[in-house]
């Protein structure tokens, strides 16, 4: 399969007021938004070997959902912790599993607000509807001293161009070494809505 992604990590340590702890910031870069489940798995297997990469892989899955709900839903299922899934028939979900009711409710928020996932790509803006520019696509994530949970989970914060503070997502590593999203409700929280452009006289906006 043709190589579809590249990823670049830059780690810096800065003193911030965020959570009153020392925060580690990371910048991750993806050079293509997958358009198929197979492409997503290739991307996921490359970058989700760290909590930061797992967070970005989940956000990429939500972008896929905004582009194509059927394929994107499968990507979200693939990148979700098993505890968030329920068994289903072979004609639904992905390989006999689908999103549980709570997760399904969250994901369906994107049906009306497709722009939310794009806000996690650096350089987007509500001024132009969070339109993606040319690749590569950059993401900024951070962790702090309190990110690691007693149960082995990791909380990662991912920056949004439509919000004043980064959004948390909790991840858990599976037995294959892949970090999957275990709690992601904040990822679907509202961001500043796209600026509505006037339709002018032809649209009745005099």
N, C-alpha and C. Protein backbone atom coordinates (compact mmCIF):
# COMPACT_ATOMS: atom_id res chain seq x y z
N UNK A 1 0.85 -1.20 0.00
CA UNK A 1 0.00 0.00 0.00
C UNK A 1 0.88 1.25 0.00
N UNK A 2 0.52 2.19 -0.81
CA UNK A 2 1.29 3.42 -0.89
C UNK A 2 1.32 4.14 0.45
N UNK A 3 2.49 4.61 0.81
CA UNK A 3 2.62 5.32 2.08
C UNK A 3 1.77 6.58 2.04
N UNK A 4 0.93 6.78 3.04
CA UNK A 4 -0.01 7.89 2.97
C UNK A 4 0.22 8.93 4.05
N UNK A 5 1.07 8.65 5.02
CA UNK A 5 1.21 9.65 6.08
C UNK A 5 2.64 9.81 6.48
N UNK A 6 2.90 10.93 7.04
CA UNK A 6 4.15 11.12 7.74
C UNK A 6 3.82 11.89 9.00
N UNK A 7 4.62 11.71 10.00
CA UNK A 7 4.31 12.36 11.26
C UNK A 7 5.58 12.90 11.86
N UNK A 8 5.49 14.05 12.47
CA UNK A 8 6.66 14.73 12.99
C UNK A 8 6.35 15.23 14.38
N UNK A 9 7.19 14.87 15.32
CA UNK A 9 7.00 15.27 16.71
C UNK A 9 8.00 16.35 17.08
N UNK A 10 7.51 17.38 17.73
CA UNK A 10 8.39 18.38 18.31
C UNK A 10 7.99 18.50 19.77
N UNK A 11 8.92 18.25 20.67
CA UNK A 11 8.62 18.31 22.09
C UNK A 11 9.30 19.53 22.71
N UNK A 12 8.55 20.29 23.44
CA UNK A 12 9.11 21.41 24.17
C UNK A 12 8.54 21.40 25.57
N UNK A 13 9.29 21.91 26.50
CA UNK A 13 8.82 22.00 27.87
C UNK A 13 8.73 23.46 28.24
N UNK A 14 7.54 23.90 28.63
CA UNK A 14 7.36 25.29 28.98
C UNK A 14 6.58 25.38 30.28
N UNK A 15 6.80 26.44 30.99
CA UNK A 15 6.05 26.66 32.23
C UNK A 15 4.81 27.45 31.88
N UNK A 16 3.64 26.87 32.20
CA UNK A 16 2.37 27.48 31.85
C UNK A 16 1.47 27.49 33.07
N UNK A 17 0.43 28.33 33.01
CA UNK A 17 -0.55 28.37 34.10
C UNK A 17 -1.55 27.23 33.95
N UNK A 18 -1.55 26.53 32.82
CA UNK A 18 -2.51 25.46 32.54
C UNK A 18 -2.39 24.37 33.60
N UNK A 19 -3.40 24.20 34.41
CA UNK A 19 -3.45 23.20 35.47
C UNK A 19 -2.37 23.42 36.52
N UNK A 20 -1.71 24.59 36.46
CA UNK A 20 -0.67 24.93 37.40
C UNK A 20 0.42 23.87 37.46
N UNK A 21 0.67 23.21 36.37
CA UNK A 21 1.69 22.17 36.30
C UNK A 21 2.58 22.45 35.10
N UNK A 22 3.75 21.79 35.10
CA UNK A 22 4.60 21.86 33.92
C UNK A 22 3.91 21.09 32.80
N UNK A 23 3.78 21.71 31.66
CA UNK A 23 3.06 21.12 30.54
C UNK A 23 4.00 20.74 29.42
N UNK A 24 3.82 19.56 28.89
CA UNK A 24 4.59 19.10 27.74
C UNK A 24 3.74 19.24 26.49
N UNK A 25 4.20 20.03 25.56
CA UNK A 25 3.47 20.26 24.31
C UNK A 25 4.10 19.46 23.19
N UNK A 26 3.26 18.95 22.31
CA UNK A 26 3.71 18.20 21.14
C UNK A 26 2.98 18.69 19.91
N UNK A 27 3.69 18.74 18.80
CA UNK A 27 3.08 19.07 17.53
C UNK A 27 3.16 17.84 16.63
N UNK A 28 2.01 17.42 16.13
CA UNK A 28 1.94 16.26 15.26
C UNK A 28 1.45 16.67 13.89
N UNK A 29 1.97 16.02 12.87
CA UNK A 29 1.64 16.39 11.51
C UNK A 29 1.19 15.16 10.74
N UNK A 30 0.08 15.29 10.04
CA UNK A 30 -0.46 14.22 9.19
C UNK A 30 -0.58 14.77 7.78
N UNK A 31 -0.11 14.03 6.80
CA UNK A 31 -0.08 14.61 5.46
C UNK A 31 -1.27 14.25 4.59
N UNK A 32 -2.24 13.50 5.18
CA UNK A 32 -3.46 13.19 4.41
C UNK A 32 -4.56 12.75 5.36
N UNK A 33 -5.79 13.18 5.09
CA UNK A 33 -6.95 12.67 5.81
C UNK A 33 -7.41 11.41 5.07
N UNK A 34 -7.39 10.26 5.71
CA UNK A 34 -7.77 9.01 5.03
C UNK A 34 -9.18 9.08 4.45
N UNK A 35 -9.39 8.36 3.38
CA UNK A 35 -10.71 8.29 2.75
C UNK A 35 -11.28 6.87 2.76
N UNK A 36 -10.58 5.96 3.42
CA UNK A 36 -11.06 4.59 3.54
C UNK A 36 -10.66 4.04 4.90
N UNK A 37 -11.32 2.98 5.31
CA UNK A 37 -10.99 2.33 6.58
C UNK A 37 -9.56 1.81 6.55
N UNK A 38 -9.17 1.25 5.43
CA UNK A 38 -7.82 0.69 5.32
C UNK A 38 -6.76 1.77 5.49
N UNK A 39 -6.97 2.92 4.87
CA UNK A 39 -6.03 4.02 5.02
C UNK A 39 -5.99 4.51 6.46
N UNK A 40 -7.15 4.53 7.11
CA UNK A 40 -7.17 4.98 8.49
C UNK A 40 -6.39 4.03 9.39
N UNK A 41 -6.57 2.73 9.22
CA UNK A 41 -5.85 1.77 10.05
C UNK A 41 -4.35 1.90 9.85
N UNK A 42 -3.92 2.14 8.61
CA UNK A 42 -2.49 2.35 8.34
C UNK A 42 -1.99 3.57 9.11
N UNK A 43 -2.76 4.66 9.07
CA UNK A 43 -2.39 5.86 9.82
C UNK A 43 -2.40 5.59 11.31
N UNK A 44 -3.47 4.99 11.80
CA UNK A 44 -3.63 4.72 13.23
C UNK A 44 -2.48 3.89 13.77
N UNK A 45 -2.11 2.84 13.03
CA UNK A 45 -1.05 1.95 13.50
C UNK A 45 0.30 2.65 13.56
N UNK A 46 0.47 3.70 12.78
CA UNK A 46 1.74 4.44 12.78
C UNK A 46 1.82 5.46 13.91
N UNK A 47 0.69 6.12 14.21
CA UNK A 47 0.79 7.24 15.15
C UNK A 47 0.20 6.98 16.53
N UNK A 48 -0.68 5.99 16.67
CA UNK A 48 -1.37 5.79 17.95
C UNK A 48 -0.57 4.92 18.91
N UNK A 49 0.73 4.84 18.72
CA UNK A 49 1.59 4.12 19.65
C UNK A 49 1.95 5.00 20.85
N UNK A 50 1.50 6.24 20.84
CA UNK A 50 1.64 7.16 21.97
C UNK A 50 0.26 7.73 22.28
N UNK A 51 0.03 8.20 23.51
CA UNK A 51 -1.27 8.83 23.82
C UNK A 51 -1.55 10.02 22.92
N UNK A 52 -0.50 10.83 22.65
CA UNK A 52 -0.70 12.00 21.78
C UNK A 52 -1.13 11.58 20.38
N UNK A 53 -0.47 10.56 19.86
CA UNK A 53 -0.85 10.07 18.53
C UNK A 53 -2.22 9.45 18.51
N UNK A 54 -2.59 8.78 19.63
CA UNK A 54 -3.94 8.21 19.72
C UNK A 54 -5.01 9.27 19.70
N UNK A 55 -4.73 10.41 20.37
CA UNK A 55 -5.68 11.51 20.38
C UNK A 55 -5.86 12.08 18.98
N UNK A 56 -4.76 12.28 18.27
CA UNK A 56 -4.84 12.81 16.91
C UNK A 56 -5.55 11.82 15.99
N UNK A 57 -5.28 10.53 16.16
CA UNK A 57 -5.96 9.53 15.33
C UNK A 57 -7.46 9.59 15.53
N UNK A 58 -7.90 9.81 16.78
CA UNK A 58 -9.35 9.91 17.03
C UNK A 58 -9.93 11.15 16.36
N UNK A 59 -9.23 12.28 16.46
CA UNK A 59 -9.72 13.50 15.83
C UNK A 59 -9.78 13.32 14.31
N UNK A 60 -8.78 12.67 13.74
CA UNK A 60 -8.81 12.39 12.29
C UNK A 60 -10.05 11.56 11.94
N UNK A 61 -10.40 10.60 12.79
CA UNK A 61 -11.60 9.79 12.55
C UNK A 61 -12.85 10.65 12.54
N UNK A 62 -12.91 11.67 13.42
CA UNK A 62 -14.08 12.55 13.44
C UNK A 62 -14.12 13.43 12.19
N UNK A 63 -12.95 13.82 11.69
CA UNK A 63 -12.92 14.58 10.44
C UNK A 63 -13.45 13.70 9.31
N UNK A 64 -13.04 12.43 9.31
CA UNK A 64 -13.55 11.49 8.31
C UNK A 64 -15.06 11.38 8.40
N UNK A 65 -15.60 11.39 9.63
CA UNK A 65 -17.05 11.31 9.80
C UNK A 65 -17.73 12.52 9.17
N UNK A 66 -17.16 13.70 9.37
CA UNK A 66 -17.76 14.90 8.77
C UNK A 66 -17.72 14.83 7.25
N UNK A 67 -16.70 14.17 6.72
CA UNK A 67 -16.58 14.04 5.26
C UNK A 67 -17.47 12.92 4.71
N UNK A 68 -17.56 11.82 5.47
CA UNK A 68 -18.31 10.65 5.04
C UNK A 68 -18.75 9.88 6.29
N UNK A 69 -19.98 10.09 6.76
CA UNK A 69 -20.43 9.49 8.02
C UNK A 69 -20.28 7.97 8.09
N UNK A 70 -20.49 7.27 7.01
CA UNK A 70 -20.42 5.81 7.04
C UNK A 70 -18.99 5.33 7.30
N UNK A 71 -18.05 5.84 6.53
CA UNK A 71 -16.65 5.44 6.70
C UNK A 71 -16.09 6.02 8.00
N UNK A 72 -16.44 7.28 8.28
CA UNK A 72 -15.93 7.91 9.49
C UNK A 72 -16.41 7.21 10.75
N UNK A 73 -17.64 6.74 10.75
CA UNK A 73 -18.15 6.03 11.93
C UNK A 73 -17.32 4.77 12.19
N UNK A 74 -16.98 4.07 11.13
CA UNK A 74 -16.15 2.88 11.30
C UNK A 74 -14.78 3.25 11.86
N UNK A 75 -14.23 4.36 11.40
CA UNK A 75 -12.93 4.81 11.92
C UNK A 75 -13.04 5.15 13.40
N UNK A 76 -14.12 5.79 13.81
CA UNK A 76 -14.32 6.13 15.22
C UNK A 76 -14.44 4.87 16.06
N UNK A 77 -15.17 3.88 15.55
CA UNK A 77 -15.30 2.60 16.25
C UNK A 77 -13.92 1.97 16.44
N UNK A 78 -13.13 1.95 15.39
CA UNK A 78 -11.79 1.35 15.42
C UNK A 78 -10.91 2.03 16.46
N UNK A 79 -11.07 3.34 16.62
CA UNK A 79 -10.21 4.10 17.52
C UNK A 79 -10.82 4.32 18.90
N UNK A 80 -11.93 3.64 19.19
CA UNK A 80 -12.57 3.74 20.49
C UNK A 80 -12.24 2.53 21.37
N UNK A 81 -12.10 2.78 22.66
CA UNK A 81 -11.85 1.71 23.62
C UNK A 81 -13.03 0.73 23.61
N UNK A 82 -12.73 -0.53 23.83
CA UNK A 82 -13.76 -1.58 23.78
C UNK A 82 -14.93 -1.29 24.71
N UNK A 83 -14.69 -0.63 25.85
CA UNK A 83 -15.76 -0.35 26.80
C UNK A 83 -16.81 0.61 26.25
N UNK A 84 -16.49 1.32 25.18
CA UNK A 84 -17.43 2.26 24.59
C UNK A 84 -18.26 1.64 23.47
N UNK A 85 -17.99 0.36 23.19
CA UNK A 85 -18.64 -0.31 22.06
C UNK A 85 -19.67 -1.33 22.52
N UNK A 86 -20.58 -1.65 21.64
CA UNK A 86 -21.55 -2.71 21.89
C UNK A 86 -21.58 -3.65 20.69
N UNK A 87 -21.93 -4.88 20.93
CA UNK A 87 -21.99 -5.85 19.83
C UNK A 87 -23.22 -5.56 18.98
N UNK A 88 -23.08 -5.85 17.69
CA UNK A 88 -24.19 -5.59 16.76
C UNK A 88 -24.16 -6.64 15.66
N UNK A 89 -25.14 -6.54 14.76
CA UNK A 89 -25.21 -7.47 13.64
C UNK A 89 -24.11 -7.20 12.63
N UNK A 90 -23.88 -8.14 11.72
CA UNK A 90 -22.80 -8.00 10.75
C UNK A 90 -23.00 -6.90 9.72
N UNK A 91 -24.23 -6.41 9.59
CA UNK A 91 -24.53 -5.38 8.60
C UNK A 91 -24.43 -3.97 9.18
N UNK A 92 -23.97 -3.86 10.44
CA UNK A 92 -23.82 -2.56 11.07
C UNK A 92 -22.42 -2.43 11.64
N UNK A 93 -22.03 -1.18 11.91
CA UNK A 93 -20.78 -0.94 12.61
C UNK A 93 -19.56 -1.47 11.88
N UNK A 94 -18.65 -2.06 12.66
CA UNK A 94 -17.39 -2.58 12.09
C UNK A 94 -17.07 -3.91 12.74
N UNK A 95 -17.09 -4.95 11.95
CA UNK A 95 -16.75 -6.31 12.39
C UNK A 95 -17.53 -6.73 13.64
N UNK A 96 -18.84 -6.44 13.63
CA UNK A 96 -19.70 -6.89 14.70
C UNK A 96 -19.77 -5.98 15.92
N UNK A 97 -19.16 -4.81 15.83
CA UNK A 97 -19.20 -3.87 16.95
C UNK A 97 -19.64 -2.49 16.45
N UNK A 98 -20.39 -1.81 17.32
CA UNK A 98 -20.85 -0.46 17.00
C UNK A 98 -20.66 0.41 18.23
N UNK A 99 -20.87 1.71 18.07
CA UNK A 99 -20.79 2.62 19.20
C UNK A 99 -21.92 2.36 20.18
N UNK A 100 -21.61 2.45 21.48
CA UNK A 100 -22.66 2.35 22.48
C UNK A 100 -23.57 3.56 22.39
N UNK A 101 -24.67 3.54 23.12
CA UNK A 101 -25.67 4.60 22.99
C UNK A 101 -25.11 5.98 23.35
N UNK A 102 -24.32 6.07 24.41
CA UNK A 102 -23.77 7.37 24.81
C UNK A 102 -22.80 7.90 23.77
N UNK A 103 -21.93 7.02 23.28
CA UNK A 103 -20.97 7.43 22.25
C UNK A 103 -21.68 7.81 20.96
N UNK A 104 -22.70 7.05 20.62
CA UNK A 104 -23.47 7.34 19.41
C UNK A 104 -24.10 8.73 19.50
N UNK A 105 -24.64 9.07 20.67
CA UNK A 105 -25.24 10.39 20.87
C UNK A 105 -24.21 11.49 20.64
N UNK A 106 -23.01 11.31 21.17
CA UNK A 106 -21.96 12.32 21.01
C UNK A 106 -21.59 12.49 19.54
N UNK A 107 -21.35 11.38 18.87
CA UNK A 107 -20.91 11.43 17.48
C UNK A 107 -21.96 12.08 16.59
N UNK A 108 -23.21 11.85 16.87
CA UNK A 108 -24.28 12.40 16.04
C UNK A 108 -24.41 13.92 16.17
N UNK A 109 -23.71 14.50 17.15
CA UNK A 109 -23.70 15.96 17.23
C UNK A 109 -23.06 16.55 15.97
N UNK A 110 -22.19 15.76 15.35
CA UNK A 110 -21.49 16.25 14.16
C UNK A 110 -22.40 16.30 12.93
N UNK A 111 -23.54 15.63 13.00
CA UNK A 111 -24.46 15.69 11.86
C UNK A 111 -24.94 17.12 11.62
N UNK A 112 -25.05 17.89 12.70
CA UNK A 112 -25.49 19.28 12.58
C UNK A 112 -24.32 20.27 12.65
N UNK A 113 -23.20 19.83 13.18
CA UNK A 113 -22.05 20.73 13.33
C UNK A 113 -20.80 20.05 12.78
N UNK A 114 -20.80 19.85 11.49
CA UNK A 114 -19.71 19.13 10.84
C UNK A 114 -18.36 19.85 10.97
N UNK A 115 -18.41 21.13 11.28
CA UNK A 115 -17.18 21.92 11.32
C UNK A 115 -16.35 21.69 12.58
N UNK A 116 -16.94 21.12 13.63
CA UNK A 116 -16.22 20.99 14.90
C UNK A 116 -14.88 20.27 14.74
N UNK A 117 -14.81 19.10 14.09
CA UNK A 117 -13.52 18.41 14.00
C UNK A 117 -12.44 19.21 13.29
N UNK A 118 -12.83 20.02 12.32
CA UNK A 118 -11.83 20.79 11.57
C UNK A 118 -11.15 21.84 12.45
N UNK A 119 -11.80 22.23 13.55
CA UNK A 119 -11.22 23.24 14.42
C UNK A 119 -9.97 22.73 15.14
N UNK A 120 -9.77 21.42 15.15
CA UNK A 120 -8.59 20.87 15.81
C UNK A 120 -7.36 20.87 14.91
N UNK A 121 -7.53 21.30 13.69
CA UNK A 121 -6.40 21.44 12.77
C UNK A 121 -5.88 22.86 12.87
N UNK A 122 -4.62 22.99 13.21
CA UNK A 122 -4.03 24.31 13.36
C UNK A 122 -4.07 25.07 12.03
N UNK A 123 -4.40 26.36 12.11
CA UNK A 123 -4.47 27.18 10.91
C UNK A 123 -5.88 27.37 10.39
N UNK A 124 -6.83 26.58 10.90
CA UNK A 124 -8.22 26.78 10.47
C UNK A 124 -8.80 27.96 11.24
N UNK A 125 -9.96 28.43 10.79
CA UNK A 125 -10.57 29.61 11.41
C UNK A 125 -12.07 29.61 11.17
N UNK A 126 -12.82 30.11 12.14
CA UNK A 126 -14.26 30.22 11.93
C UNK A 126 -14.59 31.28 10.87
N UNK A 127 -13.62 32.14 10.57
CA UNK A 127 -13.84 33.18 9.57
C UNK A 127 -14.10 32.60 8.19
N UNK A 128 -13.53 31.42 7.91
CA UNK A 128 -13.77 30.79 6.60
C UNK A 128 -14.39 29.41 6.75
N UNK A 129 -15.17 29.24 7.84
CA UNK A 129 -15.88 27.98 8.03
C UNK A 129 -14.99 26.82 8.43
N UNK A 130 -13.81 27.10 8.98
CA UNK A 130 -12.85 26.07 9.38
C UNK A 130 -12.40 25.21 8.20
N UNK A 131 -12.36 25.83 7.04
CA UNK A 131 -11.93 25.09 5.84
C UNK A 131 -10.48 24.64 5.98
N UNK A 132 -10.22 23.39 5.62
CA UNK A 132 -8.86 22.88 5.66
C UNK A 132 -8.05 23.49 4.53
N UNK A 133 -6.83 23.87 4.83
CA UNK A 133 -5.94 24.34 3.78
C UNK A 133 -5.26 23.15 3.11
N UNK A 134 -4.14 23.41 2.51
CA UNK A 134 -3.39 22.33 1.88
C UNK A 134 -2.64 21.52 2.94
N UNK A 135 -2.47 20.21 2.71
CA UNK A 135 -1.71 19.40 3.65
C UNK A 135 -0.23 19.82 3.62
N UNK A 136 0.52 19.46 4.65
CA UNK A 136 0.16 18.61 5.78
C UNK A 136 -0.71 19.34 6.80
N UNK A 137 -1.38 18.55 7.64
CA UNK A 137 -2.26 19.08 8.66
C UNK A 137 -1.60 18.94 10.03
N UNK A 138 -1.58 20.04 10.76
CA UNK A 138 -0.88 20.08 12.04
C UNK A 138 -1.85 20.09 13.22
N UNK A 139 -1.47 19.37 14.27
CA UNK A 139 -2.25 19.28 15.49
C UNK A 139 -1.35 19.59 16.67
N UNK A 140 -1.88 20.29 17.66
CA UNK A 140 -1.11 20.62 18.85
C UNK A 140 -1.75 19.96 20.06
N UNK A 141 -1.00 19.12 20.73
CA UNK A 141 -1.51 18.40 21.89
C UNK A 141 -0.59 18.63 23.08
N UNK A 142 -1.11 18.41 24.27
CA UNK A 142 -0.30 18.62 25.47
C UNK A 142 -0.72 17.66 26.57
N UNK A 143 0.21 17.40 27.46
CA UNK A 143 -0.04 16.62 28.67
C UNK A 143 0.59 17.38 29.83
N UNK A 144 0.23 16.99 31.05
CA UNK A 144 0.86 17.61 32.21
C UNK A 144 1.08 16.56 33.29
N UNK A 145 1.58 17.00 34.42
CA UNK A 145 1.97 16.06 35.47
C UNK A 145 0.81 15.24 36.01
N UNK A 146 -0.40 15.72 35.84
CA UNK A 146 -1.57 14.99 36.35
C UNK A 146 -2.31 14.22 35.26
N UNK A 147 -1.70 14.10 34.09
CA UNK A 147 -2.38 13.45 32.96
C UNK A 147 -2.54 11.94 33.16
N UNK A 148 -1.59 11.32 33.84
CA UNK A 148 -1.63 9.86 33.98
C UNK A 148 -2.59 9.45 35.07
N UNK A 149 -3.55 8.60 34.71
CA UNK A 149 -4.54 8.13 35.67
C UNK A 149 -4.05 6.90 36.43
N UNK A 150 -4.62 6.65 37.59
CA UNK A 150 -4.24 5.50 38.39
C UNK A 150 -4.55 4.18 37.69
N UNK A 151 -5.51 4.22 36.75
CA UNK A 151 -5.91 3.02 36.02
C UNK A 151 -5.10 2.81 34.75
N UNK A 152 -4.04 3.59 34.56
CA UNK A 152 -3.20 3.43 33.38
C UNK A 152 -3.63 4.27 32.19
N UNK A 153 -4.72 5.03 32.34
CA UNK A 153 -5.15 5.89 31.24
C UNK A 153 -4.29 7.15 31.19
N UNK A 154 -4.37 7.84 30.07
CA UNK A 154 -3.66 9.11 29.90
C UNK A 154 -4.64 10.14 29.36
N UNK A 155 -4.62 11.33 29.95
CA UNK A 155 -5.46 12.41 29.47
C UNK A 155 -4.60 13.35 28.63
N UNK A 156 -5.03 13.57 27.40
CA UNK A 156 -4.32 14.44 26.47
C UNK A 156 -5.22 15.62 26.15
N UNK A 157 -4.63 16.79 26.00
CA UNK A 157 -5.39 18.00 25.67
C UNK A 157 -5.03 18.42 24.26
N UNK A 158 -6.04 18.60 23.42
CA UNK A 158 -5.79 18.96 22.03
C UNK A 158 -6.37 20.34 21.75
N UNK A 159 -5.53 21.19 21.15
CA UNK A 159 -5.92 22.58 20.92
C UNK A 159 -6.97 22.68 19.82
N UNK A 160 -7.86 23.67 19.98
CA UNK A 160 -8.89 23.95 18.98
C UNK A 160 -8.81 25.42 18.60
N UNK A 161 -8.87 25.71 17.31
CA UNK A 161 -8.84 27.10 16.87
C UNK A 161 -10.17 27.80 17.13
N UNK A 162 -11.17 27.03 17.55
CA UNK A 162 -12.48 27.61 17.83
C UNK A 162 -12.80 27.71 19.30
N UNK A 163 -11.81 27.45 20.16
CA UNK A 163 -12.02 27.50 21.60
C UNK A 163 -10.84 28.17 22.27
N UNK A 164 -11.06 28.69 23.46
CA UNK A 164 -10.01 29.42 24.19
C UNK A 164 -9.09 28.50 24.98
N UNK A 165 -9.46 27.25 25.15
CA UNK A 165 -8.62 26.31 25.88
C UNK A 165 -8.67 24.95 25.19
N UNK A 166 -7.61 24.15 25.34
CA UNK A 166 -7.59 22.83 24.69
C UNK A 166 -8.62 21.89 25.28
N UNK A 167 -9.03 20.92 24.49
CA UNK A 167 -10.07 19.99 24.90
C UNK A 167 -9.45 18.66 25.34
N UNK A 168 -9.91 18.10 26.47
CA UNK A 168 -9.33 16.84 26.95
C UNK A 168 -9.92 15.62 26.26
N UNK A 169 -9.10 14.60 26.13
CA UNK A 169 -9.53 13.29 25.66
C UNK A 169 -8.71 12.26 26.42
N UNK A 170 -9.36 11.26 26.99
CA UNK A 170 -8.68 10.23 27.78
C UNK A 170 -8.48 8.98 26.94
N UNK A 171 -7.27 8.41 27.03
CA UNK A 171 -6.93 7.26 26.20
C UNK A 171 -6.45 6.11 27.06
N UNK A 172 -6.66 4.89 26.53
CA UNK A 172 -6.19 3.67 27.19
C UNK A 172 -5.46 2.81 26.17
N UNK A 173 -4.34 2.24 26.56
CA UNK A 173 -3.54 1.41 25.65
C UNK A 173 -4.07 -0.02 25.63
N UNK A 174 -4.27 -0.58 24.44
CA UNK A 174 -4.72 -1.97 24.36
C UNK A 174 -3.53 -2.92 24.35
N UNK A 175 -3.80 -4.21 24.27
CA UNK A 175 -2.72 -5.19 24.37
C UNK A 175 -1.84 -5.24 23.11
N UNK A 176 -2.22 -4.49 22.09
CA UNK A 176 -1.40 -4.40 20.88
C UNK A 176 -0.52 -3.15 20.90
N UNK A 177 -0.60 -2.40 21.98
CA UNK A 177 0.21 -1.19 22.10
C UNK A 177 -0.40 0.04 21.47
N UNK A 178 -1.67 -0.03 21.10
CA UNK A 178 -2.37 1.09 20.47
C UNK A 178 -3.17 1.85 21.53
N UNK A 179 -3.00 3.18 21.54
CA UNK A 179 -3.76 4.02 22.47
C UNK A 179 -5.10 4.41 21.82
N UNK A 180 -6.20 4.00 22.48
CA UNK A 180 -7.54 4.25 21.97
C UNK A 180 -8.29 5.20 22.90
N UNK A 181 -9.25 5.91 22.31
CA UNK A 181 -10.03 6.89 23.08
C UNK A 181 -10.98 6.18 24.03
N UNK A 182 -10.88 6.54 25.32
CA UNK A 182 -11.74 5.93 26.34
C UNK A 182 -12.80 6.91 26.86
N UNK A 183 -12.56 8.20 26.69
CA UNK A 183 -13.55 9.22 27.07
C UNK A 183 -13.26 10.45 26.21
N UNK A 184 -14.27 10.87 25.45
CA UNK A 184 -14.01 11.93 24.47
C UNK A 184 -15.15 12.93 24.33
N UNK A 185 -15.97 13.05 25.36
CA UNK A 185 -17.14 13.93 25.26
C UNK A 185 -16.76 15.37 24.94
N UNK A 186 -15.64 15.86 25.48
CA UNK A 186 -15.26 17.26 25.26
C UNK A 186 -14.88 17.55 23.81
N UNK A 187 -14.45 16.51 23.08
CA UNK A 187 -14.07 16.70 21.68
C UNK A 187 -15.27 17.19 20.86
N UNK A 188 -16.47 16.83 21.29
CA UNK A 188 -17.66 17.20 20.53
C UNK A 188 -18.34 18.46 21.07
N UNK A 189 -17.71 19.10 22.04
CA UNK A 189 -18.28 20.35 22.56
C UNK A 189 -18.26 21.42 21.49
N UNK A 190 -19.19 22.34 21.59
CA UNK A 190 -19.30 23.40 20.59
C UNK A 190 -18.07 24.30 20.54
N UNK A 191 -17.80 24.82 19.38
CA UNK A 191 -16.74 25.80 19.17
C UNK A 191 -17.39 27.05 18.57
N UNK A 192 -16.60 28.09 18.42
CA UNK A 192 -17.17 29.30 17.81
C UNK A 192 -17.73 28.94 16.42
N UNK A 193 -18.98 29.29 16.15
CA UNK A 193 -19.60 28.90 14.88
C UNK A 193 -18.96 29.63 13.70
N UNK A 194 -19.02 29.04 12.53
CA UNK A 194 -18.49 29.71 11.34
C UNK A 194 -19.18 31.05 11.11
N UNK A 195 -18.42 32.00 10.64
CA UNK A 195 -18.99 33.31 10.31
C UNK A 195 -19.90 33.17 9.11
N UNK A 196 -21.12 33.66 9.26
CA UNK A 196 -22.08 33.58 8.16
C UNK A 196 -21.87 34.74 7.20
N UNK A 197 -21.61 34.41 5.96
CA UNK A 197 -21.41 35.45 4.96
C UNK A 197 -22.74 35.92 4.39
N UNK A 198 -22.82 37.19 4.14
CA UNK A 198 -24.04 37.74 3.57
C UNK A 198 -24.28 37.20 2.17
N UNK A 199 -25.54 36.89 1.89
CA UNK A 199 -25.91 36.41 0.55
C UNK A 199 -26.24 37.57 -0.38
N UNK A 200 -26.22 38.76 0.15
CA UNK A 200 -26.46 39.95 -0.68
C UNK A 200 -27.90 40.09 -1.10
N UNK A 201 -28.12 41.00 -2.02
CA UNK A 201 -29.48 41.30 -2.47
C UNK A 201 -30.19 40.08 -3.04
N UNK A 202 -29.42 39.23 -3.76
CA UNK A 202 -30.05 38.06 -4.39
C UNK A 202 -30.61 37.11 -3.35
N UNK A 203 -30.06 37.14 -2.16
CA UNK A 203 -30.52 36.25 -1.09
C UNK A 203 -31.46 36.95 -0.12
N UNK A 204 -31.87 38.15 -0.44
CA UNK A 204 -32.78 38.87 0.42
C UNK A 204 -32.10 39.55 1.59
N UNK A 205 -30.76 39.63 1.55
CA UNK A 205 -30.01 40.29 2.62
C UNK A 205 -29.63 41.68 2.12
N UNK A 206 -30.51 42.67 2.31
CA UNK A 206 -30.32 43.99 1.71
C UNK A 206 -29.47 44.89 2.61
